[in-house]
Amino acid sequence: METLGLDCLVHLDSIMIYQKVDYLQVFSGFCSNRRYEIKSTPTDEPILYAVQDNGFWSRAFKPKYNMTIRVMNAAKTDLMIVSRAKQHDCCEGPKLDVFVPPENKIAWIRYHYGCWRDHMEINDPKGALMYKVVPSRKNNKFKVEDSNQKVVGKILKKNAGFFQEKFTEADNFEVQFKDENIGTKALLLATVFFIDALYHERYGWNPTWIRNCP
């Protein structure tokens, strides 16, 4: 699996993802493109940046998972692209493609609705299951397991403080890695953006859309 430019993740056992506060949305109700900083620790300088790349119509009138996220370094070189899959069957749930580097598809992530518990699956380009992401909504944790049910990481939503939690949609996350593979780390980072869109952005996920799609 190619992970050009993501070598900064090699020796890390966790990363922090901070979404920038969108003051335009706070004061006007209109959202701008989401922006994130990825850090190795809360006090360090960002090691990566992520920016949503969608037009106004897509942001304002389409589901929040209808997105393209560009992950880049400090020189603004694109290292990874996370985008809604072009071929998408609504009845099977939202789906994102992951490209590392931007022209090379390494996996896709799909949301699966379940009567008992929903989850996400990460598959390789041929469709083979790589990882399963299982949420625990009660405490905002997501466990990531490989195809052998071995835990390879965890994704946690972190409290961002009263103002940010109450008046904005900007969310902070921590990813804990239990697998040293860079490709796994890249996919868990991509999954964070999907989780943010599905679970934490306003109108991000609508269960009736999946149940009652034509």
N, C-alpha and C. Protein backbone atom coordinates (compact mmCIF):
# COMPACT_ATOMS: atom_id res chain seq x y z
N MET A 1 0.85 -1.19 0.00
CA MET A 1 0.00 0.00 0.00
C MET A 1 0.88 1.25 0.00
N GLU A 2 0.68 2.14 -0.96
CA GLU A 2 1.47 3.35 -1.04
C GLU A 2 1.00 4.37 0.00
N THR A 3 1.95 4.94 0.73
CA THR A 3 1.62 5.95 1.72
C THR A 3 2.59 7.12 1.61
N LEU A 4 2.91 7.52 0.38
CA LEU A 4 3.87 8.57 0.15
C LEU A 4 3.48 9.84 0.89
N GLY A 5 4.42 10.39 1.66
CA GLY A 5 4.18 11.64 2.35
C GLY A 5 3.58 11.49 3.73
N LEU A 6 3.13 10.29 4.09
CA LEU A 6 2.52 10.08 5.40
C LEU A 6 3.48 9.43 6.39
N ASP A 7 4.76 9.51 6.11
CA ASP A 7 5.76 8.91 6.99
C ASP A 7 5.79 9.56 8.36
N CYS A 8 5.20 10.74 8.48
CA CYS A 8 5.15 11.40 9.79
C CYS A 8 4.33 10.60 10.79
N LEU A 9 3.56 9.64 10.32
CA LEU A 9 2.74 8.82 11.22
C LEU A 9 3.45 7.57 11.71
N VAL A 10 4.63 7.30 11.17
CA VAL A 10 5.29 6.01 11.40
C VAL A 10 5.45 5.68 12.87
N HIS A 11 6.03 6.60 13.64
CA HIS A 11 6.40 6.29 15.02
C HIS A 11 5.36 6.76 16.04
N LEU A 12 4.19 7.14 15.57
CA LEU A 12 3.17 7.65 16.49
C LEU A 12 2.20 6.56 16.90
N ASP A 13 1.85 6.55 18.17
CA ASP A 13 0.82 5.61 18.63
C ASP A 13 -0.52 6.30 18.84
N SER A 14 -0.58 7.62 18.57
CA SER A 14 -1.84 8.34 18.61
C SER A 14 -1.68 9.68 17.90
N ILE A 15 -2.78 10.23 17.44
CA ILE A 15 -2.81 11.57 16.86
C ILE A 15 -4.06 12.28 17.33
N MET A 16 -4.01 13.62 17.28
CA MET A 16 -5.15 14.44 17.63
C MET A 16 -5.62 15.16 16.37
N ILE A 17 -6.93 15.21 16.16
CA ILE A 17 -7.51 15.91 15.01
C ILE A 17 -8.40 17.02 15.54
N TYR A 18 -8.06 18.26 15.19
CA TYR A 18 -8.80 19.42 15.67
C TYR A 18 -9.51 20.09 14.49
N GLN A 19 -10.82 20.18 14.57
CA GLN A 19 -11.56 20.89 13.54
C GLN A 19 -11.61 22.37 13.90
N LYS A 20 -11.31 23.21 12.92
CA LYS A 20 -11.33 24.65 13.14
C LYS A 20 -12.76 25.15 13.27
N VAL A 21 -12.98 26.09 14.18
CA VAL A 21 -14.31 26.66 14.38
C VAL A 21 -14.71 27.48 13.16
N ASP A 22 -15.92 27.25 12.68
CA ASP A 22 -16.46 27.96 11.52
C ASP A 22 -17.32 29.12 12.03
N TYR A 23 -16.71 30.30 12.16
CA TYR A 23 -17.44 31.45 12.70
C TYR A 23 -18.51 31.94 11.73
N LEU A 24 -18.32 31.70 10.43
CA LEU A 24 -19.36 32.07 9.47
C LEU A 24 -20.65 31.34 9.80
N GLN A 25 -20.55 30.05 10.12
CA GLN A 25 -21.73 29.27 10.45
C GLN A 25 -22.32 29.69 11.79
N VAL A 26 -21.45 30.02 12.75
CA VAL A 26 -21.92 30.44 14.07
C VAL A 26 -22.82 31.66 13.97
N PHE A 27 -22.41 32.64 13.15
CA PHE A 27 -23.12 33.93 13.13
C PHE A 27 -24.13 34.06 11.99
N SER A 28 -23.99 33.24 10.94
CA SER A 28 -24.89 33.41 9.81
C SER A 28 -25.73 32.17 9.50
N GLY A 29 -25.30 31.01 9.98
CA GLY A 29 -26.00 29.78 9.66
C GLY A 29 -25.51 29.11 8.39
N PHE A 30 -24.67 29.79 7.61
CA PHE A 30 -24.11 29.21 6.39
C PHE A 30 -22.75 28.61 6.70
N CYS A 31 -22.52 27.40 6.21
CA CYS A 31 -21.28 26.72 6.53
C CYS A 31 -20.25 26.93 5.43
N SER A 32 -19.00 27.00 5.84
CA SER A 32 -17.89 27.02 4.89
C SER A 32 -17.26 25.64 4.89
N ASN A 33 -16.24 25.44 4.09
CA ASN A 33 -15.58 24.14 4.04
C ASN A 33 -14.89 23.83 5.37
N ARG A 34 -15.03 22.60 5.81
CA ARG A 34 -14.44 22.20 7.08
C ARG A 34 -12.91 22.14 6.96
N ARG A 35 -12.24 22.52 8.04
CA ARG A 35 -10.78 22.51 8.08
C ARG A 35 -10.31 21.83 9.37
N TYR A 36 -9.23 21.07 9.26
CA TYR A 36 -8.72 20.32 10.39
C TYR A 36 -7.20 20.49 10.50
N GLU A 37 -6.70 20.38 11.73
CA GLU A 37 -5.26 20.26 11.98
C GLU A 37 -5.02 18.93 12.65
N ILE A 38 -3.99 18.22 12.19
CA ILE A 38 -3.63 16.92 12.78
C ILE A 38 -2.31 17.10 13.52
N LYS A 39 -2.30 16.74 14.80
CA LYS A 39 -1.12 16.92 15.64
C LYS A 39 -0.75 15.60 16.31
N SER A 40 0.54 15.51 16.68
CA SER A 40 0.98 14.32 17.41
C SER A 40 0.62 14.42 18.89
N THR A 41 0.62 15.64 19.44
CA THR A 41 0.17 15.91 20.79
C THR A 41 -0.58 17.24 20.78
N PRO A 42 -1.40 17.52 21.79
CA PRO A 42 -2.17 18.76 21.78
C PRO A 42 -1.33 20.03 21.71
N THR A 43 -0.10 19.99 22.23
CA THR A 43 0.73 21.21 22.29
C THR A 43 1.70 21.34 21.12
N ASP A 44 1.81 20.31 20.28
CA ASP A 44 2.75 20.36 19.16
C ASP A 44 2.17 21.12 17.98
N GLU A 45 3.05 21.49 17.05
CA GLU A 45 2.61 22.09 15.80
C GLU A 45 1.95 21.01 14.94
N PRO A 46 1.04 21.38 14.05
CA PRO A 46 0.41 20.38 13.18
C PRO A 46 1.43 19.66 12.31
N ILE A 47 1.20 18.37 12.14
CA ILE A 47 2.04 17.59 11.23
C ILE A 47 1.36 17.41 9.88
N LEU A 48 0.03 17.55 9.86
CA LEU A 48 -0.76 17.46 8.64
C LEU A 48 -1.94 18.41 8.75
N TYR A 49 -2.49 18.74 7.60
CA TYR A 49 -3.69 19.57 7.54
C TYR A 49 -4.72 18.87 6.66
N ALA A 50 -6.00 19.15 6.92
CA ALA A 50 -7.05 18.59 6.08
C ALA A 50 -8.08 19.68 5.80
N VAL A 51 -8.52 19.74 4.54
CA VAL A 51 -9.44 20.78 4.11
C VAL A 51 -10.53 20.15 3.24
N GLN A 52 -11.78 20.50 3.52
CA GLN A 52 -12.88 20.09 2.66
C GLN A 52 -12.85 20.90 1.38
N ASP A 53 -13.17 20.27 0.27
CA ASP A 53 -13.11 20.95 -1.03
C ASP A 53 -14.44 20.74 -1.76
N ASN A 54 -15.46 21.49 -1.34
CA ASN A 54 -16.80 21.39 -1.94
C ASN A 54 -17.37 22.79 -2.18
N GLY A 55 -18.20 22.91 -3.20
CA GLY A 55 -18.84 24.17 -3.50
C GLY A 55 -19.99 24.46 -2.54
N PHE A 56 -20.50 25.70 -2.60
CA PHE A 56 -21.56 26.13 -1.69
C PHE A 56 -22.80 25.23 -1.79
N TRP A 57 -23.22 24.91 -3.01
CA TRP A 57 -24.43 24.10 -3.19
C TRP A 57 -24.30 22.76 -2.50
N SER A 58 -23.16 22.12 -2.67
CA SER A 58 -22.93 20.81 -2.08
C SER A 58 -22.93 20.91 -0.55
N ARG A 59 -22.30 21.95 -0.01
CA ARG A 59 -22.24 22.11 1.45
C ARG A 59 -23.60 22.42 2.05
N ALA A 60 -24.37 23.26 1.36
CA ALA A 60 -25.61 23.76 1.94
C ALA A 60 -26.80 22.83 1.75
N PHE A 61 -26.82 22.08 0.65
CA PHE A 61 -28.05 21.36 0.30
C PHE A 61 -27.88 19.85 0.15
N LYS A 62 -26.67 19.35 0.27
CA LYS A 62 -26.46 17.92 0.19
C LYS A 62 -26.02 17.38 1.54
N PRO A 63 -26.15 16.07 1.78
CA PRO A 63 -25.71 15.50 3.06
C PRO A 63 -24.23 15.80 3.31
N LYS A 64 -23.87 15.92 4.58
CA LYS A 64 -22.51 16.32 4.94
C LYS A 64 -21.46 15.30 4.53
N TYR A 65 -21.88 14.05 4.31
CA TYR A 65 -20.91 13.05 3.85
C TYR A 65 -20.68 13.14 2.34
N ASN A 66 -21.42 14.00 1.66
CA ASN A 66 -21.19 14.24 0.23
C ASN A 66 -20.02 15.22 0.11
N MET A 67 -18.83 14.73 0.34
CA MET A 67 -17.69 15.62 0.56
C MET A 67 -16.44 15.11 -0.10
N THR A 68 -15.49 16.02 -0.22
CA THR A 68 -14.12 15.69 -0.60
C THR A 68 -13.20 16.33 0.43
N ILE A 69 -12.35 15.54 1.06
CA ILE A 69 -11.39 16.03 2.04
C ILE A 69 -9.99 15.81 1.50
N ARG A 70 -9.21 16.86 1.47
CA ARG A 70 -7.81 16.79 1.03
C ARG A 70 -6.91 16.87 2.25
N VAL A 71 -6.04 15.87 2.41
CA VAL A 71 -5.06 15.87 3.49
C VAL A 71 -3.72 16.28 2.89
N MET A 72 -3.07 17.26 3.51
CA MET A 72 -1.85 17.82 2.93
C MET A 72 -0.82 18.10 4.01
N ASN A 73 0.41 18.33 3.55
CA ASN A 73 1.49 18.70 4.47
C ASN A 73 1.57 20.22 4.57
N ALA A 74 2.59 20.71 5.28
CA ALA A 74 2.73 22.16 5.48
C ALA A 74 2.98 22.89 4.18
N ALA A 75 3.53 22.20 3.18
CA ALA A 75 3.79 22.81 1.88
C ALA A 75 2.56 22.80 0.98
N LYS A 76 1.42 22.35 1.53
CA LYS A 76 0.14 22.28 0.82
C LYS A 76 0.16 21.29 -0.35
N THR A 77 0.97 20.25 -0.19
CA THR A 77 1.00 19.16 -1.16
C THR A 77 -0.02 18.11 -0.74
N ASP A 78 -0.94 17.75 -1.63
CA ASP A 78 -1.95 16.74 -1.31
C ASP A 78 -1.30 15.38 -1.12
N LEU A 79 -1.61 14.75 0.01
CA LEU A 79 -1.07 13.42 0.32
C LEU A 79 -2.15 12.35 0.30
N MET A 80 -3.38 12.74 0.60
CA MET A 80 -4.50 11.79 0.65
C MET A 80 -5.78 12.52 0.29
N ILE A 81 -6.65 11.84 -0.44
CA ILE A 81 -7.96 12.37 -0.79
C ILE A 81 -9.02 11.40 -0.27
N VAL A 82 -10.01 11.94 0.42
CA VAL A 82 -11.16 11.15 0.88
C VAL A 82 -12.39 11.78 0.24
N SER A 83 -13.12 11.00 -0.57
CA SER A 83 -14.24 11.59 -1.29
C SER A 83 -15.38 10.60 -1.43
N ARG A 84 -16.59 11.12 -1.60
CA ARG A 84 -17.74 10.26 -1.78
C ARG A 84 -17.57 9.45 -3.07
N ALA A 85 -17.89 8.18 -2.98
CA ALA A 85 -17.72 7.30 -4.13
C ALA A 85 -18.61 7.74 -5.28
N LYS A 86 -18.10 7.68 -6.51
CA LYS A 86 -18.87 8.08 -7.68
C LYS A 86 -20.02 7.11 -7.93
N GLN A 87 -19.76 5.83 -7.77
CA GLN A 87 -20.82 4.83 -7.92
C GLN A 87 -21.35 4.53 -6.53
N HIS A 88 -22.56 5.00 -6.25
CA HIS A 88 -23.07 4.93 -4.90
C HIS A 88 -24.53 4.48 -4.92
N ASP A 89 -24.81 3.35 -4.30
CA ASP A 89 -26.17 2.83 -4.17
C ASP A 89 -26.72 3.31 -2.84
N CYS A 90 -27.72 4.20 -2.89
CA CYS A 90 -28.21 4.83 -1.65
C CYS A 90 -28.72 3.80 -0.65
N CYS A 91 -29.28 2.71 -1.12
CA CYS A 91 -29.86 1.73 -0.20
C CYS A 91 -28.80 0.99 0.60
N GLU A 92 -27.55 1.07 0.20
CA GLU A 92 -26.48 0.38 0.92
C GLU A 92 -25.74 1.30 1.88
N GLY A 93 -26.16 2.56 1.97
CA GLY A 93 -25.53 3.46 2.91
C GLY A 93 -24.41 4.28 2.29
N PRO A 94 -24.06 5.40 2.93
CA PRO A 94 -23.00 6.28 2.42
C PRO A 94 -21.68 5.55 2.25
N LYS A 95 -20.91 5.98 1.28
CA LYS A 95 -19.65 5.33 0.95
C LYS A 95 -18.62 6.37 0.55
N LEU A 96 -17.38 6.21 1.02
CA LEU A 96 -16.28 7.09 0.67
C LEU A 96 -15.12 6.29 0.10
N ASP A 97 -14.44 6.88 -0.87
CA ASP A 97 -13.21 6.30 -1.40
C ASP A 97 -12.01 6.98 -0.77
N VAL A 98 -10.93 6.24 -0.59
CA VAL A 98 -9.70 6.78 0.00
C VAL A 98 -8.57 6.61 -1.00
N PHE A 99 -7.88 7.70 -1.31
CA PHE A 99 -6.80 7.70 -2.29
C PHE A 99 -5.49 8.15 -1.63
N VAL A 100 -4.45 7.30 -1.70
CA VAL A 100 -3.13 7.63 -1.20
C VAL A 100 -2.08 7.02 -2.13
N PRO A 101 -1.27 7.85 -2.84
CA PRO A 101 -1.44 9.29 -3.01
C PRO A 101 -2.74 9.59 -3.76
N PRO A 102 -3.04 10.87 -4.06
CA PRO A 102 -4.38 11.23 -4.53
C PRO A 102 -4.90 10.47 -5.75
N GLU A 103 -4.03 9.93 -6.58
CA GLU A 103 -4.50 9.23 -7.78
C GLU A 103 -4.59 7.71 -7.59
N ASN A 104 -4.27 7.23 -6.39
CA ASN A 104 -4.20 5.79 -6.14
C ASN A 104 -5.22 5.38 -5.07
N LYS A 105 -6.27 4.67 -5.49
CA LYS A 105 -7.31 4.23 -4.55
C LYS A 105 -6.80 3.05 -3.74
N ILE A 106 -6.79 3.22 -2.40
CA ILE A 106 -6.30 2.13 -1.55
C ILE A 106 -7.43 1.43 -0.80
N ALA A 107 -8.60 2.07 -0.70
CA ALA A 107 -9.69 1.45 0.06
C ALA A 107 -10.96 2.27 -0.12
N TRP A 108 -12.07 1.70 0.34
CA TRP A 108 -13.31 2.46 0.47
C TRP A 108 -13.98 2.11 1.78
N ILE A 109 -14.71 3.09 2.31
CA ILE A 109 -15.36 2.96 3.62
C ILE A 109 -16.87 3.07 3.40
N ARG A 110 -17.62 2.17 3.96
CA ARG A 110 -19.07 2.20 3.80
C ARG A 110 -19.76 2.10 5.16
N TYR A 111 -20.81 2.91 5.29
CA TYR A 111 -21.65 2.86 6.48
C TYR A 111 -22.71 1.77 6.28
N HIS A 112 -22.89 0.94 7.29
CA HIS A 112 -23.89 -0.12 7.25
C HIS A 112 -24.89 0.09 8.39
N TYR A 113 -26.16 0.18 8.00
CA TYR A 113 -27.20 0.34 9.02
C TYR A 113 -27.61 -1.03 9.54
N GLY A 114 -27.72 -1.15 10.87
CA GLY A 114 -28.14 -2.40 11.47
C GLY A 114 -29.28 -2.19 12.44
N CYS A 115 -30.17 -3.15 12.53
CA CYS A 115 -31.30 -3.03 13.45
C CYS A 115 -30.82 -2.97 14.91
N TRP A 116 -29.73 -3.68 15.19
CA TRP A 116 -29.22 -3.70 16.55
C TRP A 116 -28.11 -2.68 16.75
N ARG A 117 -27.18 -2.64 15.83
CA ARG A 117 -26.07 -1.69 15.95
C ARG A 117 -25.49 -1.42 14.57
N ASP A 118 -25.35 -0.16 14.22
CA ASP A 118 -24.76 0.19 12.94
C ASP A 118 -23.23 0.12 13.04
N HIS A 119 -22.57 0.13 11.91
CA HIS A 119 -21.11 0.08 11.90
C HIS A 119 -20.61 0.53 10.53
N MET A 120 -19.31 0.65 10.40
CA MET A 120 -18.67 0.94 9.13
C MET A 120 -17.69 -0.17 8.79
N GLU A 121 -17.50 -0.38 7.51
CA GLU A 121 -16.51 -1.35 7.05
C GLU A 121 -15.54 -0.69 6.09
N ILE A 122 -14.27 -1.04 6.24
CA ILE A 122 -13.22 -0.56 5.35
C ILE A 122 -12.80 -1.74 4.48
N ASN A 123 -12.91 -1.57 3.17
CA ASN A 123 -12.62 -2.64 2.22
C ASN A 123 -11.50 -2.22 1.29
N ASP A 124 -10.73 -3.20 0.81
CA ASP A 124 -9.71 -2.88 -0.18
C ASP A 124 -10.37 -2.65 -1.54
N PRO A 125 -9.62 -2.18 -2.54
CA PRO A 125 -10.24 -1.85 -3.84
C PRO A 125 -10.98 -3.02 -4.50
N LYS A 126 -10.63 -4.26 -4.13
CA LYS A 126 -11.31 -5.42 -4.69
C LYS A 126 -12.54 -5.83 -3.89
N GLY A 127 -12.78 -5.14 -2.78
CA GLY A 127 -13.97 -5.42 -1.98
C GLY A 127 -13.75 -6.30 -0.77
N ALA A 128 -12.53 -6.75 -0.54
CA ALA A 128 -12.25 -7.61 0.61
C ALA A 128 -12.26 -6.78 1.89
N LEU A 129 -12.87 -7.32 2.94
CA LEU A 129 -12.95 -6.62 4.21
C LEU A 129 -11.57 -6.49 4.84
N MET A 130 -11.22 -5.26 5.21
CA MET A 130 -9.97 -5.00 5.90
C MET A 130 -10.21 -4.73 7.39
N TYR A 131 -11.14 -3.80 7.65
CA TYR A 131 -11.41 -3.40 9.03
C TYR A 131 -12.89 -3.12 9.22
N LYS A 132 -13.33 -3.29 10.45
CA LYS A 132 -14.70 -2.98 10.84
C LYS A 132 -14.64 -1.94 11.96
N VAL A 133 -15.45 -0.89 11.81
CA VAL A 133 -15.47 0.21 12.79
C VAL A 133 -16.80 0.15 13.53
N VAL A 134 -16.73 -0.14 14.82
CA VAL A 134 -17.93 -0.36 15.62
C VAL A 134 -18.09 0.79 16.61
N PRO A 135 -19.21 1.52 16.55
CA PRO A 135 -19.38 2.66 17.46
C PRO A 135 -19.99 2.27 18.79
N SER A 136 -19.61 3.04 19.80
CA SER A 136 -20.28 3.01 21.09
C SER A 136 -20.74 4.43 21.34
N ARG A 137 -21.96 4.75 20.92
CA ARG A 137 -22.43 6.14 20.93
C ARG A 137 -22.51 6.71 22.34
N LYS A 138 -22.68 5.86 23.34
CA LYS A 138 -22.85 6.33 24.70
C LYS A 138 -21.65 7.13 25.16
N ASN A 139 -20.46 6.74 24.74
CA ASN A 139 -19.26 7.46 25.17
C ASN A 139 -18.41 7.93 24.00
N ASN A 140 -19.00 8.00 22.81
CA ASN A 140 -18.32 8.58 21.64
C ASN A 140 -17.00 7.88 21.33
N LYS A 141 -17.00 6.56 21.42
CA LYS A 141 -15.81 5.78 21.07
C LYS A 141 -16.13 4.86 19.90
N PHE A 142 -15.12 4.60 19.09
CA PHE A 142 -15.26 3.70 17.94
C PHE A 142 -14.08 2.72 17.98
N LYS A 143 -14.40 1.45 18.01
CA LYS A 143 -13.38 0.41 18.03
C LYS A 143 -13.15 -0.08 16.60
N VAL A 144 -11.90 -0.21 16.22
CA VAL A 144 -11.54 -0.65 14.87
C VAL A 144 -10.91 -2.04 14.96
N GLU A 145 -11.53 -3.00 14.27
CA GLU A 145 -11.05 -4.38 14.28
C GLU A 145 -10.67 -4.82 12.88
N ASP A 146 -9.67 -5.71 12.79
CA ASP A 146 -9.36 -6.28 11.49
C ASP A 146 -10.28 -7.46 11.21
N SER A 147 -10.06 -8.15 10.10
CA SER A 147 -10.96 -9.24 9.69
C SER A 147 -10.91 -10.43 10.65
N ASN A 148 -9.88 -10.45 11.53
CA ASN A 148 -9.78 -11.51 12.54
C ASN A 148 -10.26 -11.06 13.91
N GLN A 149 -10.94 -9.90 13.93
CA GLN A 149 -11.49 -9.30 15.15
C GLN A 149 -10.41 -8.86 16.14
N LYS A 150 -9.22 -8.61 15.63
CA LYS A 150 -8.15 -8.04 16.44
C LYS A 150 -8.28 -6.52 16.41
N VAL A 151 -8.24 -5.88 17.57
CA VAL A 151 -8.36 -4.43 17.64
C VAL A 151 -7.07 -3.78 17.14
N VAL A 152 -7.19 -2.94 16.12
CA VAL A 152 -6.03 -2.26 15.54
C VAL A 152 -6.02 -0.78 15.86
N GLY A 153 -7.08 -0.28 16.49
CA GLY A 153 -7.10 1.12 16.84
C GLY A 153 -8.43 1.53 17.44
N LYS A 154 -8.44 2.74 17.98
CA LYS A 154 -9.66 3.32 18.54
C LYS A 154 -9.75 4.78 18.10
N ILE A 155 -10.99 5.23 17.90
CA ILE A 155 -11.25 6.63 17.56
C ILE A 155 -12.17 7.19 18.64
N LEU A 156 -11.77 8.31 19.23
CA LEU A 156 -12.52 8.89 20.34
C LEU A 156 -12.82 10.35 20.04
N LYS A 157 -14.05 10.75 20.25
CA LYS A 157 -14.39 12.16 20.18
C LYS A 157 -14.04 12.80 21.51
N LYS A 158 -13.29 13.90 21.48
CA LYS A 158 -12.84 14.57 22.69
C LYS A 158 -13.68 15.82 22.94
N ASN A 159 -13.91 16.11 24.21
CA ASN A 159 -14.66 17.31 24.56
C ASN A 159 -13.85 18.54 24.17
N ALA A 160 -14.48 19.47 23.45
CA ALA A 160 -13.79 20.65 22.94
C ALA A 160 -14.08 21.90 23.76
N GLY A 161 -14.75 21.77 24.88
CA GLY A 161 -15.07 22.93 25.69
C GLY A 161 -16.50 23.40 25.46
N PHE A 162 -17.01 24.17 26.43
CA PHE A 162 -18.42 24.54 26.42
C PHE A 162 -18.83 25.29 25.17
N PHE A 163 -18.12 26.36 24.81
CA PHE A 163 -18.53 27.19 23.68
C PHE A 163 -18.53 26.39 22.39
N GLN A 164 -17.44 25.67 22.14
CA GLN A 164 -17.33 24.92 20.88
C GLN A 164 -18.37 23.82 20.80
N GLU A 165 -18.61 23.13 21.90
CA GLU A 165 -19.58 22.04 21.89
C GLU A 165 -21.02 22.56 21.78
N LYS A 166 -21.30 23.70 22.40
CA LYS A 166 -22.65 24.22 22.47
C LYS A 166 -23.04 25.00 21.22
N PHE A 167 -22.12 25.79 20.68
CA PHE A 167 -22.49 26.75 19.64
C PHE A 167 -21.88 26.47 18.28
N THR A 168 -21.04 25.47 18.16
CA THR A 168 -20.42 25.19 16.87
C THR A 168 -20.53 23.70 16.55
N GLU A 169 -20.16 23.34 15.34
CA GLU A 169 -20.11 21.93 14.93
C GLU A 169 -18.68 21.44 14.81
N ALA A 170 -17.73 22.23 15.31
CA ALA A 170 -16.32 21.85 15.24
C ALA A 170 -16.03 20.81 16.32
N ASP A 171 -15.49 19.67 15.92
CA ASP A 171 -15.25 18.57 16.85
C ASP A 171 -13.78 18.18 16.87
N ASN A 172 -13.36 17.67 18.00
CA ASN A 172 -11.99 17.20 18.17
C ASN A 172 -11.99 15.69 18.38
N PHE A 173 -10.98 15.03 17.82
CA PHE A 173 -10.90 13.57 17.90
C PHE A 173 -9.48 13.15 18.26
N GLU A 174 -9.41 11.97 18.86
CA GLU A 174 -8.13 11.31 19.09
C GLU A 174 -8.19 9.94 18.43
N VAL A 175 -7.11 9.57 17.74
CA VAL A 175 -7.00 8.24 17.16
C VAL A 175 -5.85 7.52 17.86
N GLN A 176 -6.13 6.36 18.41
CA GLN A 176 -5.11 5.54 19.06
C GLN A 176 -4.79 4.36 18.16
N PHE A 177 -3.51 4.20 17.85
CA PHE A 177 -3.07 3.14 16.94
C PHE A 177 -2.52 1.97 17.74
N LYS A 178 -2.97 0.77 17.38
CA LYS A 178 -2.42 -0.46 17.95
C LYS A 178 -1.74 -1.29 16.86
N ASP A 179 -1.66 -0.72 15.67
CA ASP A 179 -1.01 -1.36 14.53
C ASP A 179 0.00 -0.36 13.97
N GLU A 180 1.23 -0.78 13.74
CA GLU A 180 2.28 0.15 13.30
C GLU A 180 2.24 0.41 11.80
N ASN A 181 1.41 -0.29 11.06
CA ASN A 181 1.35 -0.13 9.61
C ASN A 181 0.85 1.27 9.24
N ILE A 182 1.59 1.96 8.37
CA ILE A 182 1.22 3.33 8.00
C ILE A 182 -0.11 3.34 7.24
N GLY A 183 -0.32 2.33 6.41
CA GLY A 183 -1.57 2.27 5.67
C GLY A 183 -2.77 2.19 6.59
N THR A 184 -2.66 1.40 7.66
CA THR A 184 -3.75 1.32 8.64
C THR A 184 -3.99 2.66 9.28
N LYS A 185 -2.92 3.35 9.62
CA LYS A 185 -3.05 4.67 10.26
C LYS A 185 -3.72 5.66 9.31
N ALA A 186 -3.35 5.61 8.04
CA ALA A 186 -3.97 6.50 7.06
C ALA A 186 -5.47 6.24 6.95
N LEU A 187 -5.87 4.98 6.96
CA LEU A 187 -7.29 4.64 6.84
C LEU A 187 -8.08 5.04 8.08
N LEU A 188 -7.47 4.93 9.25
CA LEU A 188 -8.15 5.38 10.46
C LEU A 188 -8.32 6.89 10.46
N LEU A 189 -7.34 7.61 9.95
CA LEU A 189 -7.47 9.06 9.82
C LEU A 189 -8.61 9.40 8.86
N ALA A 190 -8.68 8.72 7.74
CA ALA A 190 -9.77 8.95 6.80
C ALA A 190 -11.13 8.66 7.43
N THR A 191 -11.18 7.64 8.28
CA THR A 191 -12.43 7.27 8.94
C THR A 191 -12.92 8.36 9.88
N VAL A 192 -11.99 9.10 10.48
CA VAL A 192 -12.37 10.21 11.37
C VAL A 192 -13.25 11.22 10.63
N PHE A 193 -12.87 11.57 9.40
CA PHE A 193 -13.64 12.55 8.64
C PHE A 193 -15.05 12.02 8.32
N PHE A 194 -15.14 10.73 8.06
CA PHE A 194 -16.43 10.09 7.80
C PHE A 194 -17.29 10.12 9.06
N ILE A 195 -16.70 9.77 10.21
CA ILE A 195 -17.42 9.78 11.48
C ILE A 195 -17.92 11.19 11.80
N ASP A 196 -17.07 12.17 11.59
CA ASP A 196 -17.46 13.55 11.87
C ASP A 196 -18.66 13.94 11.03
N ALA A 197 -18.63 13.60 9.74
CA ALA A 197 -19.73 13.96 8.85
C ALA A 197 -21.02 13.21 9.19
N LEU A 198 -20.91 11.94 9.51
CA LEU A 198 -22.09 11.11 9.75
C LEU A 198 -22.75 11.37 11.10
N TYR A 199 -21.93 11.55 12.12
CA TYR A 199 -22.45 11.56 13.48
C TYR A 199 -22.51 12.95 14.12
N HIS A 200 -21.69 13.88 13.65
CA HIS A 200 -21.53 15.12 14.41
C HIS A 200 -21.84 16.39 13.63
N GLU A 201 -21.88 16.34 12.30
CA GLU A 201 -22.28 17.52 11.55
C GLU A 201 -23.81 17.59 11.48
N ARG A 202 -24.36 18.77 11.54
CA ARG A 202 -25.81 18.94 11.46
C ARG A 202 -26.33 18.38 10.14
N TYR A 203 -27.38 17.58 10.21
CA TYR A 203 -27.95 16.91 9.05
C TYR A 203 -26.94 15.99 8.37
N GLY A 204 -25.98 15.51 9.16
CA GLY A 204 -24.97 14.65 8.56
C GLY A 204 -25.51 13.29 8.15
N TRP A 205 -26.41 12.72 8.98
CA TRP A 205 -26.91 11.38 8.69
C TRP A 205 -28.39 11.35 8.96
N ASN A 206 -29.13 10.79 8.03
CA ASN A 206 -30.59 10.71 8.17
C ASN A 206 -31.00 9.25 8.01
N PRO A 207 -31.38 8.56 9.10
CA PRO A 207 -31.70 7.13 8.99
C PRO A 207 -32.85 6.84 8.05
N THR A 208 -33.79 7.78 7.89
CA THR A 208 -34.91 7.53 6.98
C THR A 208 -34.44 7.51 5.53
N TRP A 209 -33.31 8.18 5.27
CA TRP A 209 -32.75 8.18 3.89
C TRP A 209 -32.34 6.77 3.50
N ILE A 210 -31.81 6.01 4.48
CA ILE A 210 -31.38 4.65 4.16
C ILE A 210 -32.58 3.71 4.14
N ARG A 211 -33.50 3.89 5.06
CA ARG A 211 -34.63 2.95 5.16
C ARG A 211 -35.62 3.11 4.00
N ASN A 212 -35.81 4.37 3.57
CA ASN A 212 -36.89 4.64 2.63
C ASN A 212 -36.40 5.10 1.27
N CYS A 213 -35.16 4.80 0.91
CA CYS A 213 -34.65 5.25 -0.37
C CYS A 213 -35.37 4.53 -1.49
N PRO A 214 -35.52 5.17 -2.66
CA PRO A 214 -36.28 4.57 -3.76
C PRO A 214 -35.63 3.32 -4.31
